[in-house]
Amino acid sequence: MPEWLFYYFIGINAFAFLLCMVDKLRALKRRKRGIRRIPERDLWLCAVIGGCFGMYLGMIVFCHKVAKRRFVWGMSLLCAVYFGLWLYYF
């Protein structure tokens, strides 16, 4: 595997994890100040371009979007697809 690809996946997954954290914090503070949240479309985009494992970890750690079944099942499926691609690649 090229070295840049390894660093890309580490970076995009760290970014996805932080994105979950920021959105959860905004969700908690939204009641007070009317802070805008990160659109779910952007969360999905980050997961599709390689950050699905970081997003899934963020869902578990921060209890983020766990009430939305479509998000939980979709993220699980996306992680399974990426894991399968990694196994196929190696």
PDB file of N, CA and C in Angstrom:
ATOM      1  N   MET A   1       0.853  -1.177   0.000  1.00  0.00           N
ATOM      2  CA  MET A   1       0.000   0.000   0.000  1.00  0.00           C
ATOM      3  C   MET A   1       0.893   1.232   0.000  1.00  0.00           C
ATOM      4  N   PRO A   2       0.552   2.210  -0.814  1.00  0.00           N
ATOM      5  CA  PRO A   2       1.338   3.446  -0.818  1.00  0.00           C
ATOM      6  C   PRO A   2       1.247   4.142   0.542  1.00  0.00           C
ATOM      7  N   GLU A   3       2.342   4.765   0.899  1.00  0.00           N
ATOM      8  CA  GLU A   3       2.419   5.414   2.212  1.00  0.00           C
ATOM      9  C   GLU A   3       1.405   6.552   2.333  1.00  0.00           C
ATOM     10  N   TRP A   4       1.177   7.286   1.262  1.00  0.00           N
ATOM     11  CA  TRP A   4       0.248   8.410   1.313  1.00  0.00           C
ATOM     12  C   TRP A   4      -1.188   7.935   1.569  1.00  0.00           C
ATOM     13  N   LEU A   5      -1.539   6.751   1.055  1.00  0.00           N
ATOM     14  CA  LEU A   5      -2.879   6.223   1.266  1.00  0.00           C
ATOM     15  C   LEU A   5      -3.105   5.873   2.734  1.00  0.00           C
ATOM     16  N   PHE A   6      -2.089   5.326   3.368  1.00  0.00           N
ATOM     17  CA  PHE A   6      -2.171   5.030   4.796  1.00  0.00           C
ATOM     18  C   PHE A   6      -2.410   6.308   5.603  1.00  0.00           C
ATOM     19  N   TYR A   7      -1.644   7.351   5.312  1.00  0.00           N
ATOM     20  CA  TYR A   7      -1.805   8.618   6.028  1.00  0.00           C
ATOM     21  C   TYR A   7      -3.144   9.281   5.720  1.00  0.00           C
ATOM     22  N   TYR A   8      -3.624   9.110   4.498  1.00  0.00           N
ATOM     23  CA  TYR A   8      -4.940   9.651   4.142  1.00  0.00           C
ATOM     24  C   TYR A   8      -6.036   9.027   5.000  1.00  0.00           C
ATOM     25  N   PHE A   9      -6.023   7.702   5.114  1.00  0.00           N
ATOM     26  CA  PHE A   9      -7.066   7.033   5.892  1.00  0.00           C
ATOM     27  C   PHE A   9      -6.959   7.349   7.384  1.00  0.00           C
ATOM     28  N   ILE A  10      -5.766   7.479   7.888  1.00  0.00           N
ATOM     29  CA  ILE A  10      -5.610   7.889   9.285  1.00  0.00           C
ATOM     30  C   ILE A  10      -6.176   9.296   9.466  1.00  0.00           C
ATOM     31  N   GLY A  11      -5.843  10.198   8.577  1.00  0.00           N
ATOM     32  CA  GLY A  11      -6.306  11.582   8.681  1.00  0.00           C
ATOM     33  C   GLY A  11      -7.807  11.725   8.504  1.00  0.00           C
ATOM     34  N   ILE A  12      -8.387  11.051   7.524  1.00  0.00           N
ATOM     35  CA  ILE A  12      -9.821  11.200   7.272  1.00  0.00           C
ATOM     36  C   ILE A  12     -10.639  10.565   8.384  1.00  0.00           C
ATOM     37  N   ASN A  13     -10.149   9.487   8.978  1.00  0.00           N
ATOM     38  CA  ASN A  13     -10.866   8.875  10.092  1.00  0.00           C
ATOM     39  C   ASN A  13     -10.757   9.722  11.359  1.00  0.00           C
ATOM     40  N   ALA A  14      -9.612  10.338  11.583  1.00  0.00           N
ATOM     41  CA  ALA A  14      -9.483  11.255  12.718  1.00  0.00           C
ATOM     42  C   ALA A  14     -10.405  12.465  12.520  1.00  0.00           C
ATOM     43  N   PHE A  15     -10.465  12.969  11.294  1.00  0.00           N
ATOM     44  CA  PHE A  15     -11.349  14.093  10.998  1.00  0.00           C
ATOM     45  C   PHE A  15     -12.816  13.719  11.202  1.00  0.00           C
ATOM     46  N   ALA A  16     -13.211  12.516  10.782  1.00  0.00           N
ATOM     47  CA  ALA A  16     -14.586  12.061  10.954  1.00  0.00           C
ATOM     48  C   ALA A  16     -14.931  11.918  12.432  1.00  0.00           C
ATOM     49  N   PHE A  17     -13.994  11.413  13.217  1.00  0.00           N
ATOM     50  CA  PHE A  17     -14.205  11.289  14.657  1.00  0.00           C
ATOM     51  C   PHE A  17     -14.414  12.664  15.293  1.00  0.00           C
ATOM     52  N   LEU A  18     -13.571  13.613  14.921  1.00  0.00           N
ATOM     53  CA  LEU A  18     -13.710  14.975  15.450  1.00  0.00           C
ATOM     54  C   LEU A  18     -14.993  15.640  14.965  1.00  0.00           C
ATOM     55  N   LEU A  19     -15.410  15.332  13.757  1.00  0.00           N
ATOM     56  CA  LEU A  19     -16.655  15.875  13.228  1.00  0.00           C
ATOM     57  C   LEU A  19     -17.848  15.404  14.054  1.00  0.00           C
ATOM     58  N   CYS A  20     -17.832  14.131  14.454  1.00  0.00           N
ATOM     59  CA  CYS A  20     -18.887  13.616  15.336  1.00  0.00           C
ATOM     60  C   CYS A  20     -18.879  14.335  16.672  1.00  0.00           C
ATOM     61  N   MET A  21     -17.693  14.559  17.214  1.00  0.00           N
ATOM     62  CA  MET A  21     -17.587  15.242  18.496  1.00  0.00           C
ATOM     63  C   MET A  21     -18.129  16.671  18.412  1.00  0.00           C
ATOM     64  N   VAL A  22     -17.744  17.377  17.371  1.00  0.00           N
ATOM     65  CA  VAL A  22     -18.200  18.762  17.208  1.00  0.00           C
ATOM     66  C   VAL A  22     -19.712  18.819  17.030  1.00  0.00           C
ATOM     67  N   ASP A  23     -20.269  17.923  16.229  1.00  0.00           N
ATOM     68  CA  ASP A  23     -21.709  17.931  16.008  1.00  0.00           C
ATOM     69  C   ASP A  23     -22.469  17.579  17.285  1.00  0.00           C
ATOM     70  N   LYS A  24     -21.941  16.655  18.073  1.00  0.00           N
ATOM     71  CA  LYS A  24     -22.590  16.303  19.340  1.00  0.00           C
ATOM     72  C   LYS A  24     -22.547  17.481  20.310  1.00  0.00           C
ATOM     73  N   LEU A  25     -21.418  18.171  20.377  1.00  0.00           N
ATOM     74  CA  LEU A  25     -21.325  19.345  21.241  1.00  0.00           C
ATOM     75  C   LEU A  25     -22.276  20.444  20.779  1.00  0.00           C
ATOM     76  N   ARG A  26     -22.387  20.621  19.486  1.00  0.00           N
ATOM     77  CA  ARG A  26     -23.333  21.609  18.960  1.00  0.00           C
ATOM     78  C   ARG A  26     -24.771  21.203  19.252  1.00  0.00           C
ATOM     79  N   ALA A  27     -25.051  19.919  19.237  1.00  0.00           N
ATOM     80  CA  ALA A  27     -26.401  19.443  19.541  1.00  0.00           C
ATOM     81  C   ALA A  27     -26.755  19.728  20.996  1.00  0.00           C
ATOM     82  N   LEU A  28     -25.786  19.586  21.873  1.00  0.00           N
ATOM     83  CA  LEU A  28     -26.041  19.850  23.289  1.00  0.00           C
ATOM     84  C   LEU A  28     -26.192  21.344  23.567  1.00  0.00           C
ATOM     85  N   LYS A  29     -25.443  22.181  22.857  1.00  0.00           N
ATOM     86  CA  LYS A  29     -25.490  23.622  23.078  1.00  0.00           C
ATOM     87  C   LYS A  29     -26.579  24.309  22.262  1.00  0.00           C
ATOM     88  N   ARG A  30     -27.163  23.596  21.318  1.00  0.00           N
ATOM     89  CA  ARG A  30     -28.138  24.196  20.410  1.00  0.00           C
ATOM     90  C   ARG A  30     -29.351  24.739  21.143  1.00  0.00           C
ATOM     91  N   ARG A  31     -29.750  24.073  22.188  1.00  0.00           N
ATOM     92  CA  ARG A  31     -30.935  24.500  22.936  1.00  0.00           C
ATOM     93  C   ARG A  31     -30.752  25.884  23.533  1.00  0.00           C
ATOM     94  N   LYS A  32     -29.525  26.232  23.858  1.00  0.00           N
ATOM     95  CA  LYS A  32     -29.266  27.506  24.512  1.00  0.00           C
ATOM     96  C   LYS A  32     -29.127  28.666  23.528  1.00  0.00           C
ATOM     97  N   ARG A  33     -28.360  28.465  22.470  1.00  0.00           N
ATOM     98  CA  ARG A  33     -27.990  29.590  21.620  1.00  0.00           C
ATOM     99  C   ARG A  33     -28.470  29.508  20.182  1.00  0.00           C
ATOM    100  N   GLY A  34     -29.029  28.421  19.764  1.00  0.00           N
ATOM    101  CA  GLY A  34     -29.431  28.292  18.368  1.00  0.00           C
ATOM    102  C   GLY A  34     -28.257  28.046  17.438  1.00  0.00           C
ATOM    103  N   ILE A  35     -27.269  27.307  17.894  1.00  0.00           N
ATOM    104  CA  ILE A  35     -26.085  27.015  17.089  1.00  0.00           C
ATOM    105  C   ILE A  35     -26.451  26.035  15.976  1.00  0.00           C
ATOM    106  N   ARG A  36     -25.930  26.284  14.782  1.00  0.00           N
ATOM    107  CA  ARG A  36     -26.226  25.406  13.644  1.00  0.00           C
ATOM    108  C   ARG A  36     -25.406  24.139  13.739  1.00  0.00           C
ATOM    109  N   ARG A  37     -26.047  23.017  13.420  1.00  0.00           N
ATOM    110  CA  ARG A  37     -25.385  21.717  13.453  1.00  0.00           C
ATOM    111  C   ARG A  37     -24.793  21.389  12.093  1.00  0.00           C
ATOM    112  N   ILE A  38     -23.957  20.389  12.081  1.00  0.00           N
ATOM    113  CA  ILE A  38     -23.352  19.914  10.832  1.00  0.00           C
ATOM    114  C   ILE A  38     -24.403  19.080  10.104  1.00  0.00           C
ATOM    115  N   PRO A  39     -24.671  19.375   8.842  1.00  0.00           N
ATOM    116  CA  PRO A  39     -25.690  18.602   8.109  1.00  0.00           C
ATOM    117  C   PRO A  39     -25.321  17.119   8.009  1.00  0.00           C
ATOM    118  N   GLU A  40     -26.335  16.278   8.065  1.00  0.00           N
ATOM    119  CA  GLU A  40     -26.108  14.841   7.991  1.00  0.00           C
ATOM    120  C   GLU A  40     -25.487  14.458   6.647  1.00  0.00           C
ATOM    121  N   ARG A  41     -25.791  15.210   5.627  1.00  0.00           N
ATOM    122  CA  ARG A  41     -25.202  14.970   4.308  1.00  0.00           C
ATOM    123  C   ARG A  41     -23.683  15.084   4.367  1.00  0.00           C
ATOM    124  N   ASP A  42     -23.165  16.058   5.111  1.00  0.00           N
ATOM    125  CA  ASP A  42     -21.724  16.224   5.249  1.00  0.00           C
ATOM    126  C   ASP A  42     -21.099  15.086   6.055  1.00  0.00           C
ATOM    127  N   LEU A  43     -21.810  14.599   7.050  1.00  0.00           N
ATOM    128  CA  LEU A  43     -21.320  13.458   7.821  1.00  0.00           C
ATOM    129  C   LEU A  43     -21.222  12.220   6.935  1.00  0.00           C
ATOM    130  N   TRP A  44     -22.245  12.016   6.102  1.00  0.00           N
ATOM    131  CA  TRP A  44     -22.227  10.878   5.177  1.00  0.00           C
ATOM    132  C   TRP A  44     -21.094  11.019   4.161  1.00  0.00           C
ATOM    133  N   LEU A  45     -20.896  12.213   3.649  1.00  0.00           N
ATOM    134  CA  LEU A  45     -19.836  12.438   2.667  1.00  0.00           C
ATOM    135  C   LEU A  45     -18.472  12.111   3.253  1.00  0.00           C
ATOM    136  N   CYS A  46     -18.243  12.542   4.465  1.00  0.00           N
ATOM    137  CA  CYS A  46     -16.976  12.253   5.132  1.00  0.00           C
ATOM    138  C   CYS A  46     -16.789  10.749   5.323  1.00  0.00           C
ATOM    139  N   ALA A  47     -17.870  10.049   5.636  1.00  0.00           N
ATOM    140  CA  ALA A  47     -17.789   8.598   5.818  1.00  0.00           C
ATOM    141  C   ALA A  47     -17.542   7.883   4.495  1.00  0.00           C
ATOM    142  N   VAL A  48     -18.182   8.328   3.439  1.00  0.00           N
ATOM    143  CA  VAL A  48     -18.057   7.664   2.142  1.00  0.00           C
ATOM    144  C   VAL A  48     -16.658   7.818   1.554  1.00  0.00           C
ATOM    145  N   ILE A  49     -16.014   8.941   1.782  1.00  0.00           N
ATOM    146  CA  ILE A  49     -14.674   9.140   1.212  1.00  0.00           C
ATOM    147  C   ILE A  49     -13.579   8.494   2.055  1.00  0.00           C
ATOM    148  N   GLY A  50     -13.979   7.685   3.044  1.00  0.00           N
ATOM    149  CA  GLY A  50     -12.983   6.905   3.768  1.00  0.00           C
ATOM    150  C   GLY A  50     -13.015   7.038   5.273  1.00  0.00           C
ATOM    151  N   GLY A  51     -13.852   7.889   5.817  1.00  0.00           N
ATOM    152  CA  GLY A  51     -13.863   8.110   7.258  1.00  0.00           C
ATOM    153  C   GLY A  51     -14.924   7.330   8.006  1.00  0.00           C
ATOM    154  N   CYS A  52     -15.353   6.208   7.457  1.00  0.00           N
ATOM    155  CA  CYS A  52     -16.461   5.470   8.079  1.00  0.00           C
ATOM    156  C   CYS A  52     -16.063   4.867   9.421  1.00  0.00           C
ATOM    157  N   PHE A  53     -14.818   4.430   9.569  1.00  0.00           N
ATOM    158  CA  PHE A  53     -14.408   3.835  10.838  1.00  0.00           C
ATOM    159  C   PHE A  53     -14.317   4.890  11.948  1.00  0.00           C
ATOM    160  N   GLY A  54     -13.817   6.062  11.614  1.00  0.00           N
ATOM    161  CA  GLY A  54     -13.783   7.152  12.582  1.00  0.00           C
ATOM    162  C   GLY A  54     -15.178   7.632  12.938  1.00  0.00           C
ATOM    163  N   MET A  55     -16.059   7.658  11.954  1.00  0.00           N
ATOM    164  CA  MET A  55     -17.443   8.059  12.196  1.00  0.00           C
ATOM    165  C   MET A  55     -18.143   7.041  13.081  1.00  0.00           C
ATOM    166  N   TYR A  56     -17.901   5.772  12.824  1.00  0.00           N
ATOM    167  CA  TYR A  56     -18.521   4.717  13.629  1.00  0.00           C
ATOM    168  C   TYR A  56     -18.004   4.766  15.068  1.00  0.00           C
ATOM    169  N   LEU A  57     -16.721   4.985  15.229  1.00  0.00           N
ATOM    170  CA  LEU A  57     -16.155   5.113  16.565  1.00  0.00           C
ATOM    171  C   LEU A  57     -16.718   6.339  17.280  1.00  0.00           C
ATOM    172  N   GLY A  58     -16.893   7.436  16.551  1.00  0.00           N
ATOM    173  CA  GLY A  58     -17.504   8.631  17.118  1.00  0.00           C
ATOM    174  C   GLY A  58     -18.947   8.409  17.523  1.00  0.00           C
ATOM    175  N   MET A  59     -19.658   7.586  16.749  1.00  0.00           N
ATOM    176  CA  MET A  59     -21.038   7.247  17.115  1.00  0.00           C
ATOM    177  C   MET A  59     -21.072   6.504  18.444  1.00  0.00           C
ATOM    178  N   ILE A  60     -20.130   5.598  18.648  1.00  0.00           N
ATOM    179  CA  ILE A  60     -20.102   4.805  19.868  1.00  0.00           C
ATOM    180  C   ILE A  60     -19.651   5.653  21.063  1.00  0.00           C
ATOM    181  N   VAL A  61     -18.571   6.385  20.906  1.00  0.00           N
ATOM    182  CA  VAL A  61     -17.996   7.139  22.020  1.00  0.00           C
ATOM    183  C   VAL A  61     -18.919   8.276  22.470  1.00  0.00           C
ATOM    184  N   PHE A  62     -19.483   9.006  21.518  1.00  0.00           N
ATOM    185  CA  PHE A  62     -20.288  10.183  21.858  1.00  0.00           C
ATOM    186  C   PHE A  62     -21.790   9.920  21.824  1.00  0.00           C
ATOM    187  N   CYS A  63     -22.209   8.683  21.594  1.00  0.00           N
ATOM    188  CA  CYS A  63     -23.641   8.342  21.438  1.00  0.00           C
ATOM    189  C   CYS A  63     -24.281   9.280  20.426  1.00  0.00           C
ATOM    190  N   HIS A  64     -23.616   9.438  19.306  1.00  0.00           N
ATOM    191  CA  HIS A  64     -24.029  10.401  18.297  1.00  0.00           C
ATOM    192  C   HIS A  64     -24.839   9.717  17.204  1.00  0.00           C
ATOM    193  N   LYS A  65     -26.038  10.190  16.967  1.00  0.00           N
ATOM    194  CA  LYS A  65     -26.940   9.711  15.921  1.00  0.00           C
ATOM    195  C   LYS A  65     -27.340   8.245  16.111  1.00  0.00           C
ATOM    196  N   VAL A  66     -27.276   7.732  17.323  1.00  0.00           N
ATOM    197  CA  VAL A  66     -27.621   6.326  17.549  1.00  0.00           C
ATOM    198  C   VAL A  66     -29.127   6.099  17.541  1.00  0.00           C
ATOM    199  N   ALA A  67     -29.919   7.139  17.638  1.00  0.00           N
ATOM    200  CA  ALA A  67     -31.373   6.994  17.590  1.00  0.00           C
ATOM    201  C   ALA A  67     -31.877   6.881  16.155  1.00  0.00           C
ATOM    202  N   LYS A  68     -31.062   7.281  15.191  1.00  0.00           N
ATOM    203  CA  LYS A  68     -31.458   7.205  13.783  1.00  0.00           C
ATOM    204  C   LYS A  68     -31.002   5.875  13.199  1.00  0.00           C
ATOM    205  N   ARG A  69     -31.964   4.989  13.011  1.00  0.00           N
ATOM    206  CA  ARG A  69     -31.647   3.638  12.539  1.00  0.00           C
ATOM    207  C   ARG A  69     -30.988   3.650  11.165  1.00  0.00           C
ATOM    208  N   ARG A  70     -31.442   4.542  10.301  1.00  0.00           N
ATOM    209  CA  ARG A  70     -30.864   4.611   8.960  1.00  0.00           C
ATOM    210  C   ARG A  70     -29.375   4.948   9.030  1.00  0.00           C
ATOM    211  N   PHE A  71     -29.020   5.838   9.927  1.00  0.00           N
ATOM    212  CA  PHE A  71     -27.622   6.236  10.068  1.00  0.00           C
ATOM    213  C   PHE A  71     -26.794   5.092  10.656  1.00  0.00           C
ATOM    214  N   VAL A  72     -27.316   4.430  11.673  1.00  0.00           N
ATOM    215  CA  VAL A  72     -26.576   3.343  12.326  1.00  0.00           C
ATOM    216  C   VAL A  72     -26.380   2.165  11.371  1.00  0.00           C
ATOM    217  N   TRP A  73     -27.443   1.729  10.730  1.00  0.00           N
ATOM    218  CA  TRP A  73     -27.342   0.596   9.800  1.00  0.00           C
ATOM    219  C   TRP A  73     -26.515   0.950   8.575  1.00  0.00           C
ATOM    220  N   GLY A  74     -26.692   2.142   8.065  1.00  0.00           N
ATOM    221  CA  GLY A  74     -25.924   2.567   6.895  1.00  0.00           C
ATOM    222  C   GLY A  74     -24.440   2.666   7.187  1.00  0.00           C
ATOM    223  N   MET A  75     -24.101   3.202   8.356  1.00  0.00           N
ATOM    224  CA  MET A  75     -22.691   3.325   8.723  1.00  0.00           C
ATOM    225  C   MET A  75     -22.077   1.944   8.957  1.00  0.00           C
ATOM    226  N   SER A  76     -22.847   1.039   9.548  1.00  0.00           N
ATOM    227  CA  SER A  76     -22.359  -0.333   9.757  1.00  0.00           C
ATOM    228  C   SER A  76     -22.113  -1.021   8.417  1.00  0.00           C
ATOM    229  N   LEU A  77     -23.029  -0.849   7.492  1.00  0.00           N
ATOM    230  CA  LEU A  77     -22.878  -1.434   6.167  1.00  0.00           C
ATOM    231  C   LEU A  77     -21.680  -0.843   5.431  1.00  0.00           C
ATOM    232  N   LEU A  78     -21.517   0.456   5.539  1.00  0.00           N
ATOM    233  CA  LEU A  78     -20.387   1.118   4.887  1.00  0.00           C
ATOM    234  C   LEU A  78     -19.057   0.634   5.470  1.00  0.00           C
ATOM    235  N   CYS A  79     -18.998   0.458   6.780  1.00  0.00           N
ATOM    236  CA  CYS A  79     -17.780  -0.068   7.412  1.00  0.00           C
ATOM    237  C   CYS A  79     -17.503  -1.498   6.939  1.00  0.00           C
ATOM    238  N   ALA A  80     -18.544  -2.298   6.793  1.00  0.00           N
ATOM    239  CA  ALA A  80     -18.368  -3.672   6.311  1.00  0.00           C
ATOM    240  C   ALA A  80     -17.839  -3.679   4.881  1.00  0.00           C
ATOM    241  N   VAL A  81     -18.352  -2.777   4.055  1.00  0.00           N
ATOM    242  CA  VAL A  81     -17.877  -2.685   2.666  1.00  0.00           C
ATOM    243  C   VAL A  81     -16.412  -2.265   2.629  1.00  0.00           C
ATOM    244  N   TYR A  82     -16.055  -1.257   3.410  1.00  0.00           N
ATOM    245  CA  TYR A  82     -14.656  -0.816   3.441  1.00  0.00           C
ATOM    246  C   TYR A  82     -13.742  -1.904   3.991  1.00  0.00           C
ATOM    247  N   PHE A  83     -14.211  -2.631   5.003  1.00  0.00           N
ATOM    248  CA  PHE A  83     -13.411  -3.723   5.551  1.00  0.00           C
ATOM    249  C   PHE A  83     -13.215  -4.812   4.503  1.00  0.00           C
ATOM    250  N   GLY A  84     -14.261  -5.124   3.756  1.00  0.00           N
ATOM    251  CA  GLY A  84     -14.154  -6.103   2.681  1.00  0.00           C
ATOM    252  C   GLY A  84     -13.186  -5.656   1.598  1.00  0.00           C
ATOM    253  N   LEU A  85     -13.222  -4.366   1.274  1.00  0.00           N
ATOM    254  CA  LEU A  85     -12.278  -3.847   0.281  1.00  0.00           C
ATOM    255  C   LEU A  85     -10.840  -3.939   0.766  1.00  0.00           C
ATOM    256  N   TRP A  86     -10.635  -3.669   2.055  1.00  0.00           N
ATOM    257  CA  TRP A  86      -9.279  -3.792   2.622  1.00  0.00           C
ATOM    258  C   TRP A  86      -8.804  -5.239   2.564  1.00  0.00           C
ATOM    259  N   LEU A  87      -9.693  -6.180   2.903  1.00  0.00           N
ATOM    260  CA  LEU A  87      -9.322  -7.594   2.845  1.00  0.00           C
ATOM    261  C   LEU A  87      -9.020  -8.024   1.418  1.00  0.00           C
ATOM    262  N   TYR A  88      -9.796  -7.540   0.478  1.00  0.00           N
ATOM    263  CA  TYR A  88      -9.561  -7.882  -0.923  1.00  0.00           C
ATOM    264  C   TYR A  88      -8.237  -7.285  -1.420  1.00  0.00           C
ATOM    265  N   TYR A  89      -7.945  -6.071  -0.986  1.00  0.00           N
ATOM    266  CA  TYR A  89      -6.743  -5.393  -1.421  1.00  0.00           C
ATOM    267  C   TYR A  89      -5.490  -6.116  -0.911  1.00  0.00           C
ATOM    268  N   PHE A  90      -5.562  -6.615   0.319  1.00  0.00           N
ATOM    269  CA  PHE A  90      -4.421  -7.305   0.904  1.00  0.00           C
ATOM    270  C   PHE A  90      -4.555  -8.780   0.694  1.00  0.00           C
TER     271      PHE A  90
END
